[in-house]
Amino acid sequence: LTAKVTAHLPEEPPDYMVVSLGDDTAPAIAYYVSTNAFPEGGLSNDIYRTSRLVMRRIHAAGIRWRMGAESDDYSGATTTVSLSERENAHYVTLSEDYFIGIYEITQAQGAKFSGKGSAFTEYVDSPLRPSSDISYEKIRGVGTGNGHAVKSGSALQKLRVLTGIDFDLPTSAQWEYACRAGTTSLLYTGKALVNANVYEVGWIYGNSKIDGVWTTQVVGQKKPNEWGLYDMLGNSREWCLDWYYGTPSSDDVVDPVGPATGSGRVLRGGDYSRSIKDFRPSASYFISDSEDKRGDQLGFRVVCPITLKYNEK
């Protein structure tokens, strides 16, 4: 019996990190070059959606990319799409790579550190569905400023204590860059915005009904993007770190985090109750006075720095 051990520098980890959520049968943190190298059957094993977090390294440092959308992005769509002010096309550079969850946080994972959420808990497969009906306030607390500090007792503070890793919500720019996975097209598959193409990659209003009820679905069933991220569009709308910031400037920007204050936090990705016009990497939303607002459609996924700790808290 032999084992292959590959060393890496802390600032240059492999593309996948698996974090135990108190699972004593697994190392606290393990790194892999691909999901094919995962033990215990790989992603087909539900442990990766219940008692472990799978994080994907996003190679972003120094890459200039277009955030937002141009009107000509929507040729071929079968629905009328009106670009919102929030989608003003502009160029962004992120200064660092980061890890992002390949799945939305599930009810089973959330129960390990924050509670499973209170929506759609009645199904046999509920533990594998997104942890939804959860507010920004419960996830990270309020009044923490614009850095990465989180309130004591918040879900992310409990997750940090459990794992020793500075998990947080993605910024809107981190979210969109990860969702696009290097593409500039309307869908990250490069296909037109029509129902059949949308149904390949996500759960929306037209394909998410069970026994007459529109509902979230088990994560990871649809086609992932090119970087192996699931449900970036559809299933649950995902909280981001930023305050809503109206019309972005057309100037280039580095590491945008939004304004210092605002009336609502950014939400991304659409959800099971939305139509295909909201099913776009550039589409963003906000709910006024939203930090304590909950909804069946609202969930989250997490990010962390590749060094596992932020320089500022």
C-alpha atoms as a PDB file:
ATOM      1  CA  LEU A   1       0.000   0.000   0.000  1.00  0.00           C
ATOM      2  CA  THR A   2       1.425   3.363  -1.014  1.00  0.00           C
ATOM      3  CA  ALA A   3       0.172   6.900  -0.715  1.00  0.00           C
ATOM      4  CA  LYS A   4       1.104   9.857  -2.834  1.00  0.00           C
ATOM      5  CA  VAL A   5       1.577  13.094  -0.937  1.00  0.00           C
ATOM      6  CA  THR A   6       2.003  16.318  -2.870  1.00  0.00           C
ATOM      7  CA  ALA A   7       3.354  19.358  -1.059  1.00  0.00           C
ATOM      8  CA  HIS A   8       2.264  22.881  -1.910  1.00  0.00           C
ATOM      9  CA  LEU A   9       3.010  26.386  -0.732  1.00  0.00           C
ATOM     10  CA  PRO A  10       0.265  27.992   1.414  1.00  0.00           C
ATOM     11  CA  GLU A  11      -0.141  30.721  -1.191  1.00  0.00           C
ATOM     12  CA  GLU A  12      -0.389  28.199  -4.053  1.00  0.00           C
ATOM     13  CA  PRO A  13      -2.876  25.503  -3.022  1.00  0.00           C
ATOM     14  CA  PRO A  14      -4.369  23.009  -5.498  1.00  0.00           C
ATOM     15  CA  ASP A  15      -7.695  23.812  -7.134  1.00  0.00           C
ATOM     16  CA  TYR A  16      -9.936  21.986  -4.661  1.00  0.00           C
ATOM     17  CA  MET A  17     -10.161  22.194  -0.892  1.00  0.00           C
ATOM     18  CA  VAL A  18     -12.466  19.981   1.173  1.00  0.00           C
ATOM     19  CA  VAL A  19     -13.281  21.212   4.673  1.00  0.00           C
ATOM     20  CA  SER A  20     -14.737  18.969   7.354  1.00  0.00           C
ATOM     21  CA  LEU A  21     -17.743  20.272   9.269  1.00  0.00           C
ATOM     22  CA  GLY A  22     -16.963  18.274  12.378  1.00  0.00           C
ATOM     23  CA  ASP A  23     -16.756  14.942  10.510  1.00  0.00           C
ATOM     24  CA  ASP A  24     -14.250  12.962  12.593  1.00  0.00           C
ATOM     25  CA  THR A  25     -13.682  10.482   9.755  1.00  0.00           C
ATOM     26  CA  ALA A  26     -12.131  13.164   7.537  1.00  0.00           C
ATOM     27  CA  PRO A  27      -9.128  15.481   7.849  1.00  0.00           C
ATOM     28  CA  ALA A  28     -10.031  19.013   8.899  1.00  0.00           C
ATOM     29  CA  ILE A  29      -8.767  20.335   5.552  1.00  0.00           C
ATOM     30  CA  ALA A  30      -7.700  18.345   2.492  1.00  0.00           C
ATOM     31  CA  TYR A  31      -6.536  19.526  -0.922  1.00  0.00           C
ATOM     32  CA  TYR A  32      -7.032  17.823  -4.288  1.00  0.00           C
ATOM     33  CA  VAL A  33      -6.089  18.620  -7.865  1.00  0.00           C
ATOM     34  CA  SER A  34      -9.540  17.609  -9.134  1.00  0.00           C
ATOM     35  CA  THR A  35     -12.834  16.159  -7.949  1.00  0.00           C
ATOM     36  CA  ASN A  36     -11.778  12.842  -9.510  1.00  0.00           C
ATOM     37  CA  ALA A  37      -9.219  12.553  -6.715  1.00  0.00           C
ATOM     38  CA  PHE A  38     -11.829  12.848  -3.956  1.00  0.00           C
ATOM     39  CA  PRO A  39     -12.047   9.767  -1.717  1.00  0.00           C
ATOM     40  CA  GLU A  40     -15.194   7.799  -0.879  1.00  0.00           C
ATOM     41  CA  GLY A  41     -16.721   7.881  -4.334  1.00  0.00           C
ATOM     42  CA  GLY A  42     -16.192  11.544  -5.131  1.00  0.00           C
ATOM     43  CA  LEU A  43     -19.002  14.032  -5.586  1.00  0.00           C
ATOM     44  CA  SER A  44     -21.565  11.258  -5.999  1.00  0.00           C
ATOM     45  CA  ASN A  45     -21.241  10.711  -2.242  1.00  0.00           C
ATOM     46  CA  ASP A  46     -23.650  12.905  -0.282  1.00  0.00           C
ATOM     47  CA  ILE A  47     -20.999  13.606   2.370  1.00  0.00           C
ATOM     48  CA  TYR A  48     -19.787  16.418   0.125  1.00  0.00           C
ATOM     49  CA  ARG A  49     -23.181  18.090   0.476  1.00  0.00           C
ATOM     50  CA  THR A  50     -23.784  17.323   4.146  1.00  0.00           C
ATOM     51  CA  SER A  51     -20.738  17.045   6.430  1.00  0.00           C
ATOM     52  CA  ARG A  52     -18.013  18.560   4.236  1.00  0.00           C
ATOM     53  CA  LEU A  53     -17.616  21.739   2.213  1.00  0.00           C
ATOM     54  CA  VAL A  54     -16.098  21.551  -1.260  1.00  0.00           C
ATOM     55  CA  MET A  55     -14.312  24.746  -2.240  1.00  0.00           C
ATOM     56  CA  ARG A  56     -12.991  25.563  -5.719  1.00  0.00           C
ATOM     57  CA  ARG A  57     -10.007  27.825  -6.246  1.00  0.00           C
ATOM     58  CA  ILE A  58     -10.847  30.693  -8.584  1.00  0.00           C
ATOM     59  CA  HIS A  59      -7.812  31.964 -10.472  1.00  0.00           C
ATOM     60  CA  ALA A  60      -8.593  35.672 -10.617  1.00  0.00           C
ATOM     61  CA  ALA A  61      -5.497  37.622  -9.591  1.00  0.00           C
ATOM     62  CA  GLY A  62      -4.624  40.382 -12.029  1.00  0.00           C
ATOM     63  CA  ILE A  63      -7.154  39.384 -14.707  1.00  0.00           C
ATOM     64  CA  ARG A  64      -9.097  42.273 -16.248  1.00  0.00           C
ATOM     65  CA  TRP A  65     -12.623  41.219 -17.188  1.00  0.00           C
ATOM     66  CA  ARG A  66     -15.932  42.791 -18.090  1.00  0.00           C
ATOM     67  CA  MET A  67     -18.543  42.881 -15.349  1.00  0.00           C
ATOM     68  CA  GLY A  68     -22.125  43.680 -16.290  1.00  0.00           C
ATOM     69  CA  ALA A  69     -23.700  43.446 -19.724  1.00  0.00           C
ATOM     70  CA  GLU A  70     -24.043  45.157 -23.068  1.00  0.00           C
ATOM     71  CA  SER A  71     -27.346  45.237 -24.923  1.00  0.00           C
ATOM     72  CA  ASP A  72     -25.986  43.029 -27.701  1.00  0.00           C
ATOM     73  CA  ASP A  73     -25.457  40.222 -25.189  1.00  0.00           C
ATOM     74  CA  TYR A  74     -29.142  39.415 -25.513  1.00  0.00           C
ATOM     75  CA  SER A  75     -29.459  38.503 -29.158  1.00  0.00           C
ATOM     76  CA  GLY A  76     -31.241  35.178 -29.513  1.00  0.00           C
ATOM     77  CA  ALA A  77     -33.183  35.492 -26.272  1.00  0.00           C
ATOM     78  CA  THR A  78     -36.830  34.427 -26.433  1.00  0.00           C
ATOM     79  CA  THR A  79     -37.888  36.853 -23.727  1.00  0.00           C
ATOM     80  CA  THR A  80     -37.669  40.618 -23.494  1.00  0.00           C
ATOM     81  CA  VAL A  81     -34.705  41.607 -21.355  1.00  0.00           C
ATOM     82  CA  SER A  82     -34.370  45.139 -20.053  1.00  0.00           C
ATOM     83  CA  LEU A  83     -30.919  45.897 -18.736  1.00  0.00           C
ATOM     84  CA  SER A  84     -31.099  47.363 -15.252  1.00  0.00           C
ATOM     85  CA  GLU A  85     -28.854  50.208 -14.127  1.00  0.00           C
ATOM     86  CA  ARG A  86     -27.045  47.680 -11.963  1.00  0.00           C
ATOM     87  CA  GLU A  87     -25.704  45.933 -15.075  1.00  0.00           C
ATOM     88  CA  ASN A  88     -23.780  48.840 -16.581  1.00  0.00           C
ATOM     89  CA  ALA A  89     -20.790  47.202 -18.291  1.00  0.00           C
ATOM     90  CA  HIS A  90     -17.411  48.070 -16.778  1.00  0.00           C
ATOM     91  CA  TYR A  91     -14.041  46.414 -16.345  1.00  0.00           C
ATOM     92  CA  VAL A  92     -12.913  44.889 -13.081  1.00  0.00           C
ATOM     93  CA  THR A  93      -9.666  43.415 -11.815  1.00  0.00           C
ATOM     94  CA  LEU A  94      -9.550  41.229  -8.714  1.00  0.00           C
ATOM     95  CA  SER A  95      -6.167  41.306  -7.009  1.00  0.00           C
ATOM     96  CA  GLU A  96      -6.257  37.857  -5.423  1.00  0.00           C
ATOM     97  CA  ASP A  97      -7.387  34.314  -6.120  1.00  0.00           C
ATOM     98  CA  TYR A  98     -10.025  32.925  -3.766  1.00  0.00           C
ATOM     99  CA  PHE A  99     -11.949  29.773  -2.923  1.00  0.00           C
ATOM    100  CA  ILE A 100     -15.711  29.561  -3.478  1.00  0.00           C
ATOM    101  CA  GLY A 101     -18.136  26.774  -2.608  1.00  0.00           C
ATOM    102  CA  ILE A 102     -19.086  24.586  -5.548  1.00  0.00           C
ATOM    103  CA  TYR A 103     -22.559  24.262  -4.000  1.00  0.00           C
ATOM    104  CA  GLU A 104     -24.911  26.584  -2.196  1.00  0.00           C
ATOM    105  CA  ILE A 105     -24.818  25.850   1.538  1.00  0.00           C
ATOM    106  CA  THR A 106     -27.258  23.009   2.107  1.00  0.00           C
ATOM    107  CA  GLN A 107     -29.657  22.460   4.974  1.00  0.00           C
ATOM    108  CA  ALA A 108     -27.462  19.636   6.282  1.00  0.00           C
ATOM    109  CA  GLN A 109     -24.332  21.784   6.146  1.00  0.00           C
ATOM    110  CA  GLY A 110     -26.075  24.755   7.698  1.00  0.00           C
ATOM    111  CA  ALA A 111     -27.303  22.593  10.565  1.00  0.00           C
ATOM    112  CA  LYS A 112     -23.657  21.983  11.487  1.00  0.00           C
ATOM    113  CA  PHE A 113     -23.081  25.640  12.304  1.00  0.00           C
ATOM    114  CA  SER A 114     -26.166  27.823  11.963  1.00  0.00           C
ATOM    115  CA  GLY A 115     -29.395  25.895  11.676  1.00  0.00           C
ATOM    116  CA  LYS A 116     -30.767  24.456   8.465  1.00  0.00           C
ATOM    117  CA  GLY A 117     -33.111  27.293   7.523  1.00  0.00           C
ATOM    118  CA  SER A 118     -36.876  27.079   7.729  1.00  0.00           C
ATOM    119  CA  ALA A 119     -37.987  26.628   4.109  1.00  0.00           C
ATOM    120  CA  PHE A 120     -38.734  23.318   2.372  1.00  0.00           C
ATOM    121  CA  THR A 121     -37.628  21.166   5.313  1.00  0.00           C
ATOM    122  CA  GLU A 122     -40.410  18.598   4.913  1.00  0.00           C
ATOM    123  CA  TYR A 123     -38.967  16.515   2.066  1.00  0.00           C
ATOM    124  CA  VAL A 124     -36.930  13.317   2.379  1.00  0.00           C
ATOM    125  CA  ASP A 125     -34.119  14.993   0.456  1.00  0.00           C
ATOM    126  CA  SER A 126     -34.413  18.338   2.277  1.00  0.00           C
ATOM    127  CA  PRO A 127     -30.924  18.031   3.843  1.00  0.00           C
ATOM    128  CA  LEU A 128     -29.462  18.237   0.321  1.00  0.00           C
ATOM    129  CA  ARG A 129     -31.435  21.336  -0.644  1.00  0.00           C
ATOM    130  CA  PRO A 130     -30.194  24.893  -0.108  1.00  0.00           C
ATOM    131  CA  SER A 131     -30.343  26.377   3.356  1.00  0.00           C
ATOM    132  CA  SER A 132     -32.883  29.048   2.470  1.00  0.00           C
ATOM    133  CA  ASP A 133     -35.184  31.475   4.243  1.00  0.00           C
ATOM    134  CA  ILE A 134     -32.098  32.889   5.942  1.00  0.00           C
ATOM    135  CA  SER A 135     -31.339  36.576   6.363  1.00  0.00           C
ATOM    136  CA  TYR A 136     -28.112  38.481   5.809  1.00  0.00           C
ATOM    137  CA  GLU A 137     -28.267  39.401   9.491  1.00  0.00           C
ATOM    138  CA  LYS A 138     -28.321  35.747  10.544  1.00  0.00           C
ATOM    139  CA  ILE A 139     -25.535  34.853   8.118  1.00  0.00           C
ATOM    140  CA  ARG A 140     -22.994  37.477   9.197  1.00  0.00           C
ATOM    141  CA  GLY A 141     -24.628  40.039  11.480  1.00  0.00           C
ATOM    142  CA  VAL A 142     -25.089  43.763  10.877  1.00  0.00           C
ATOM    143  CA  GLY A 143     -23.102  46.840  11.789  1.00  0.00           C
ATOM    144  CA  THR A 144     -19.768  45.198  11.020  1.00  0.00           C
ATOM    145  CA  GLY A 145     -18.604  47.784   8.477  1.00  0.00           C
ATOM    146  CA  ASN A 146     -17.306  46.941   5.025  1.00  0.00           C
ATOM    147  CA  GLY A 147     -14.485  44.608   6.001  1.00  0.00           C
ATOM    148  CA  HIS A 148     -14.649  40.908   6.797  1.00  0.00           C
ATOM    149  CA  ALA A 149     -15.585  41.186  10.468  1.00  0.00           C
ATOM    150  CA  VAL A 150     -18.678  39.173  11.412  1.00  0.00           C
ATOM    151  CA  LYS A 151     -20.847  39.412  14.502  1.00  0.00           C
ATOM    152  CA  SER A 152     -20.525  36.958  17.360  1.00  0.00           C
ATOM    153  CA  GLY A 153     -23.281  34.366  17.128  1.00  0.00           C
ATOM    154  CA  SER A 154     -23.749  34.764  13.380  1.00  0.00           C
ATOM    155  CA  ALA A 155     -23.643  31.733  11.102  1.00  0.00           C
ATOM    156  CA  LEU A 156     -20.299  32.721   9.611  1.00  0.00           C
ATOM    157  CA  GLN A 157     -18.761  33.375  13.020  1.00  0.00           C
ATOM    158  CA  LYS A 158     -19.790  29.877  14.091  1.00  0.00           C
ATOM    159  CA  LEU A 159     -18.415  28.424  10.852  1.00  0.00           C
ATOM    160  CA  ARG A 160     -15.108  30.212  11.426  1.00  0.00           C
ATOM    161  CA  VAL A 161     -14.869  28.802  14.939  1.00  0.00           C
ATOM    162  CA  LEU A 162     -15.711  25.302  13.696  1.00  0.00           C
ATOM    163  CA  THR A 163     -13.180  25.287  10.851  1.00  0.00           C
ATOM    164  CA  GLY A 164     -10.552  27.908  11.673  1.00  0.00           C
ATOM    165  CA  ILE A 165     -11.095  29.440   8.218  1.00  0.00           C
ATOM    166  CA  ASP A 166     -12.255  33.001   7.527  1.00  0.00           C
ATOM    167  CA  PHE A 167     -15.328  32.176   5.467  1.00  0.00           C
ATOM    168  CA  ASP A 168     -17.450  35.057   4.213  1.00  0.00           C
ATOM    169  CA  LEU A 169     -19.993  35.941   1.553  1.00  0.00           C
ATOM    170  CA  PRO A 170     -18.576  36.716  -1.896  1.00  0.00           C
ATOM    171  CA  THR A 171     -18.506  40.264  -3.142  1.00  0.00           C
ATOM    172  CA  SER A 172     -20.775  40.855  -6.100  1.00  0.00           C
ATOM    173  CA  ALA A 173     -17.697  40.977  -8.350  1.00  0.00           C
ATOM    174  CA  GLN A 174     -16.317  37.708  -6.967  1.00  0.00           C
ATOM    175  CA  TRP A 175     -19.705  36.101  -7.489  1.00  0.00           C
ATOM    176  CA  GLU A 176     -20.076  37.247 -11.104  1.00  0.00           C
ATOM    177  CA  TYR A 177     -16.498  36.351 -12.038  1.00  0.00           C
ATOM    178  CA  ALA A 178     -16.960  32.838 -10.632  1.00  0.00           C
ATOM    179  CA  CYS A 179     -20.357  32.464 -12.295  1.00  0.00           C
ATOM    180  CA  ARG A 180     -19.076  33.478 -15.722  1.00  0.00           C
ATOM    181  CA  ALA A 181     -16.125  31.076 -15.490  1.00  0.00           C
ATOM    182  CA  GLY A 182     -14.245  32.934 -18.182  1.00  0.00           C
ATOM    183  CA  THR A 183     -17.226  33.403 -20.502  1.00  0.00           C
ATOM    184  CA  THR A 184     -18.902  36.579 -21.709  1.00  0.00           C
ATOM    185  CA  SER A 185     -22.097  34.959 -22.972  1.00  0.00           C
ATOM    186  CA  LEU A 186     -25.597  35.202 -21.588  1.00  0.00           C
ATOM    187  CA  LEU A 187     -25.476  31.683 -20.186  1.00  0.00           C
ATOM    188  CA  TYR A 188     -22.169  30.183 -19.135  1.00  0.00           C
ATOM    189  CA  THR A 189     -22.797  27.378 -21.594  1.00  0.00           C
ATOM    190  CA  GLY A 190     -22.588  29.902 -24.428  1.00  0.00           C
ATOM    191  CA  LYS A 191     -26.134  29.072 -25.533  1.00  0.00           C
ATOM    192  CA  ALA A 192     -29.073  31.403 -26.169  1.00  0.00           C
ATOM    193  CA  LEU A 193     -31.440  32.467 -23.391  1.00  0.00           C
ATOM    194  CA  VAL A 194     -34.292  30.039 -24.092  1.00  0.00           C
ATOM    195  CA  ASN A 195     -36.049  27.703 -21.696  1.00  0.00           C
ATOM    196  CA  ALA A 196     -34.464  24.466 -22.890  1.00  0.00           C
ATOM    197  CA  ASN A 197     -30.961  25.879 -22.463  1.00  0.00           C
ATOM    198  CA  VAL A 198     -31.739  27.395 -19.082  1.00  0.00           C
ATOM    199  CA  TYR A 199     -33.160  24.118 -17.783  1.00  0.00           C
ATOM    200  CA  GLU A 200     -29.798  22.453 -18.471  1.00  0.00           C
ATOM    201  CA  VAL A 201     -28.043  24.531 -15.848  1.00  0.00           C
ATOM    202  CA  GLY A 202     -30.572  25.541 -13.217  1.00  0.00           C
ATOM    203  CA  TRP A 203     -33.908  25.418 -11.454  1.00  0.00           C
ATOM    204  CA  ILE A 204     -36.284  28.260 -12.270  1.00  0.00           C
ATOM    205  CA  TYR A 205     -40.025  28.850 -12.395  1.00  0.00           C
ATOM    206  CA  GLY A 206     -40.614  26.583 -15.374  1.00  0.00           C
ATOM    207  CA  ASN A 207     -38.979  23.396 -14.055  1.00  0.00           C
ATOM    208  CA  SER A 208     -38.973  23.518 -10.260  1.00  0.00           C
ATOM    209  CA  LYS A 209     -42.489  22.387  -9.327  1.00  0.00           C
ATOM    210  CA  ILE A 210     -42.962  19.260  -7.181  1.00  0.00           C
ATOM    211  CA  ASP A 211     -46.501  18.041  -6.427  1.00  0.00           C
ATOM    212  CA  GLY A 212     -47.892  21.415  -7.434  1.00  0.00           C
ATOM    213  CA  VAL A 213     -45.441  23.419  -5.314  1.00  0.00           C
ATOM    214  CA  TRP A 214     -42.577  25.536  -6.615  1.00  0.00           C
ATOM    215  CA  THR A 215     -39.591  24.676  -4.485  1.00  0.00           C
ATOM    216  CA  THR A 216     -35.832  24.547  -4.237  1.00  0.00           C
ATOM    217  CA  GLN A 217     -34.140  21.354  -5.387  1.00  0.00           C
ATOM    218  CA  VAL A 218     -31.234  19.152  -4.315  1.00  0.00           C
ATOM    219  CA  VAL A 219     -28.008  21.002  -5.117  1.00  0.00           C
ATOM    220  CA  GLY A 220     -25.624  19.765  -7.782  1.00  0.00           C
ATOM    221  CA  GLN A 221     -28.079  18.074 -10.144  1.00  0.00           C
ATOM    222  CA  LYS A 222     -27.754  20.466 -13.065  1.00  0.00           C
ATOM    223  CA  LYS A 223     -24.832  21.053 -15.405  1.00  0.00           C
ATOM    224  CA  PRO A 224     -22.041  23.034 -13.698  1.00  0.00           C
ATOM    225  CA  ASN A 225     -20.158  25.882 -15.284  1.00  0.00           C
ATOM    226  CA  GLU A 226     -16.670  25.428 -16.753  1.00  0.00           C
ATOM    227  CA  TRP A 227     -15.103  25.770 -13.315  1.00  0.00           C
ATOM    228  CA  GLY A 228     -17.282  23.095 -11.753  1.00  0.00           C
ATOM    229  CA  LEU A 229     -19.657  25.376  -9.836  1.00  0.00           C
ATOM    230  CA  TYR A 230     -23.262  24.224  -9.511  1.00  0.00           C
ATOM    231  CA  ASP A 231     -26.513  26.188  -9.256  1.00  0.00           C
ATOM    232  CA  MET A 232     -24.880  29.559  -9.818  1.00  0.00           C
ATOM    233  CA  LEU A 233     -28.055  30.405 -11.712  1.00  0.00           C
ATOM    234  CA  GLY A 234     -31.353  29.324 -10.182  1.00  0.00           C
ATOM    235  CA  ASN A 235     -32.357  27.264  -7.143  1.00  0.00           C
ATOM    236  CA  SER A 236     -31.668  29.896  -4.430  1.00  0.00           C
ATOM    237  CA  ARG A 237     -30.885  33.557  -4.874  1.00  0.00           C
ATOM    238  CA  GLU A 238     -27.571  34.148  -3.126  1.00  0.00           C
ATOM    239  CA  TRP A 239     -26.595  36.889  -0.697  1.00  0.00           C
ATOM    240  CA  CYS A 240     -23.457  38.894  -1.501  1.00  0.00           C
ATOM    241  CA  LEU A 241     -21.318  41.052   0.764  1.00  0.00           C
ATOM    242  CA  ASP A 242     -21.969  44.392  -0.967  1.00  0.00           C
ATOM    243  CA  TRP A 243     -24.533  47.050  -0.381  1.00  0.00           C
ATOM    244  CA  TYR A 244     -26.544  47.728  -3.536  1.00  0.00           C
ATOM    245  CA  TYR A 245     -24.727  50.463  -5.423  1.00  0.00           C
ATOM    246  CA  GLY A 246     -26.980  51.702  -8.220  1.00  0.00           C
ATOM    247  CA  THR A 247     -25.334  52.367 -11.558  1.00  0.00           C
ATOM    248  CA  PRO A 248     -21.667  51.313 -11.555  1.00  0.00           C
ATOM    249  CA  SER A 249     -19.180  53.708 -13.086  1.00  0.00           C
ATOM    250  CA  SER A 250     -17.865  52.749 -16.504  1.00  0.00           C
ATOM    251  CA  ASP A 251     -14.322  53.302 -15.205  1.00  0.00           C
ATOM    252  CA  ASP A 252     -12.007  50.389 -14.497  1.00  0.00           C
ATOM    253  CA  VAL A 253     -12.053  49.315 -10.851  1.00  0.00           C
ATOM    254  CA  VAL A 254      -9.979  47.005  -8.655  1.00  0.00           C
ATOM    255  CA  ASP A 255     -11.591  44.813  -5.967  1.00  0.00           C
ATOM    256  CA  PRO A 256     -14.966  46.602  -5.814  1.00  0.00           C
ATOM    257  CA  VAL A 257     -16.840  46.136  -2.542  1.00  0.00           C
ATOM    258  CA  GLY A 258     -19.722  48.557  -2.994  1.00  0.00           C
ATOM    259  CA  PRO A 259     -20.532  51.700  -0.978  1.00  0.00           C
ATOM    260  CA  ALA A 260     -19.981  52.110   2.755  1.00  0.00           C
ATOM    261  CA  THR A 261     -23.728  52.189   3.446  1.00  0.00           C
ATOM    262  CA  GLY A 262     -26.914  51.459   1.593  1.00  0.00           C
ATOM    263  CA  SER A 263     -30.536  50.385   1.734  1.00  0.00           C
ATOM    264  CA  GLY A 264     -30.141  46.734   0.770  1.00  0.00           C
ATOM    265  CA  ARG A 265     -27.587  44.004   0.166  1.00  0.00           C
ATOM    266  CA  VAL A 266     -26.941  42.575  -3.287  1.00  0.00           C
ATOM    267  CA  LEU A 267     -28.536  39.253  -4.249  1.00  0.00           C
ATOM    268  CA  ARG A 268     -27.380  37.200  -7.232  1.00  0.00           C
ATOM    269  CA  GLY A 269     -28.269  34.232  -9.399  1.00  0.00           C
ATOM    270  CA  GLY A 270     -32.034  34.168  -9.636  1.00  0.00           C
ATOM    271  CA  ASP A 271     -34.025  31.402  -7.973  1.00  0.00           C
ATOM    272  CA  TYR A 272     -36.614  28.683  -8.442  1.00  0.00           C
ATOM    273  CA  SER A 273     -39.452  31.223  -8.611  1.00  0.00           C
ATOM    274  CA  ARG A 274     -37.927  33.538 -11.231  1.00  0.00           C
ATOM    275  CA  SER A 275     -38.292  33.613 -15.013  1.00  0.00           C
ATOM    276  CA  ILE A 276     -35.466  33.246 -17.511  1.00  0.00           C
ATOM    277  CA  LYS A 277     -34.949  37.001 -17.904  1.00  0.00           C
ATOM    278  CA  ASP A 278     -33.437  37.017 -14.397  1.00  0.00           C
ATOM    279  CA  PHE A 279     -31.291  34.006 -15.202  1.00  0.00           C
ATOM    280  CA  ARG A 280     -28.110  35.818 -16.214  1.00  0.00           C
ATOM    281  CA  PRO A 281     -24.619  36.216 -14.697  1.00  0.00           C
ATOM    282  CA  SER A 282     -24.949  40.009 -14.847  1.00  0.00           C
ATOM    283  CA  ALA A 283     -28.387  40.234 -13.215  1.00  0.00           C
ATOM    284  CA  SER A 284     -28.426  41.466  -9.634  1.00  0.00           C
ATOM    285  CA  TYR A 285     -31.148  42.373  -7.188  1.00  0.00           C
ATOM    286  CA  PHE A 286     -31.659  43.942  -3.817  1.00  0.00           C
ATOM    287  CA  ILE A 287     -34.429  44.180  -1.245  1.00  0.00           C
ATOM    288  CA  SER A 288     -34.887  47.528   0.509  1.00  0.00           C
ATOM    289  CA  ASP A 289     -33.949  47.462   4.200  1.00  0.00           C
ATOM    290  CA  SER A 290     -33.045  43.853   3.614  1.00  0.00           C
ATOM    291  CA  GLU A 291     -30.475  42.813   6.202  1.00  0.00           C
ATOM    292  CA  ASP A 292     -33.106  41.210   8.416  1.00  0.00           C
ATOM    293  CA  LYS A 293     -35.339  40.045   5.556  1.00  0.00           C
ATOM    294  CA  ARG A 294     -35.839  36.357   4.887  1.00  0.00           C
ATOM    295  CA  GLY A 295     -37.469  34.505   2.049  1.00  0.00           C
ATOM    296  CA  ASP A 296     -37.923  30.967   0.813  1.00  0.00           C
ATOM    297  CA  GLN A 297     -35.824  31.915  -2.228  1.00  0.00           C
ATOM    298  CA  LEU A 298     -32.833  33.364  -0.343  1.00  0.00           C
ATOM    299  CA  GLY A 299     -29.728  31.286   0.352  1.00  0.00           C
ATOM    300  CA  PHE A 300     -25.953  31.653   0.191  1.00  0.00           C
ATOM    301  CA  ARG A 301     -22.597  30.138  -0.685  1.00  0.00           C
ATOM    302  CA  VAL A 302     -19.276  30.985   0.915  1.00  0.00           C
ATOM    303  CA  VAL A 303     -15.835  32.158  -0.120  1.00  0.00           C
ATOM    304  CA  CYS A 304     -12.492  32.363   1.650  1.00  0.00           C
ATOM    305  CA  PRO A 305      -8.979  33.584   0.795  1.00  0.00           C
ATOM    306  CA  ILE A 306      -6.566  30.951  -0.503  1.00  0.00           C
ATOM    307  CA  THR A 307      -4.404  31.605   2.579  1.00  0.00           C
ATOM    308  CA  LEU A 308      -7.550  30.853   4.657  1.00  0.00           C
ATOM    309  CA  LYS A 309      -7.251  34.095   6.658  1.00  0.00           C
ATOM    310  CA  TYR A 310      -8.002  37.687   5.744  1.00  0.00           C
ATOM    311  CA  ASN A 311      -5.348  40.268   6.570  1.00  0.00           C
ATOM    312  CA  GLU A 312      -7.977  42.473   8.161  1.00  0.00           C
ATOM    313  CA  LYS A 313     -11.006  41.450  10.192  1.00  0.00           C
END
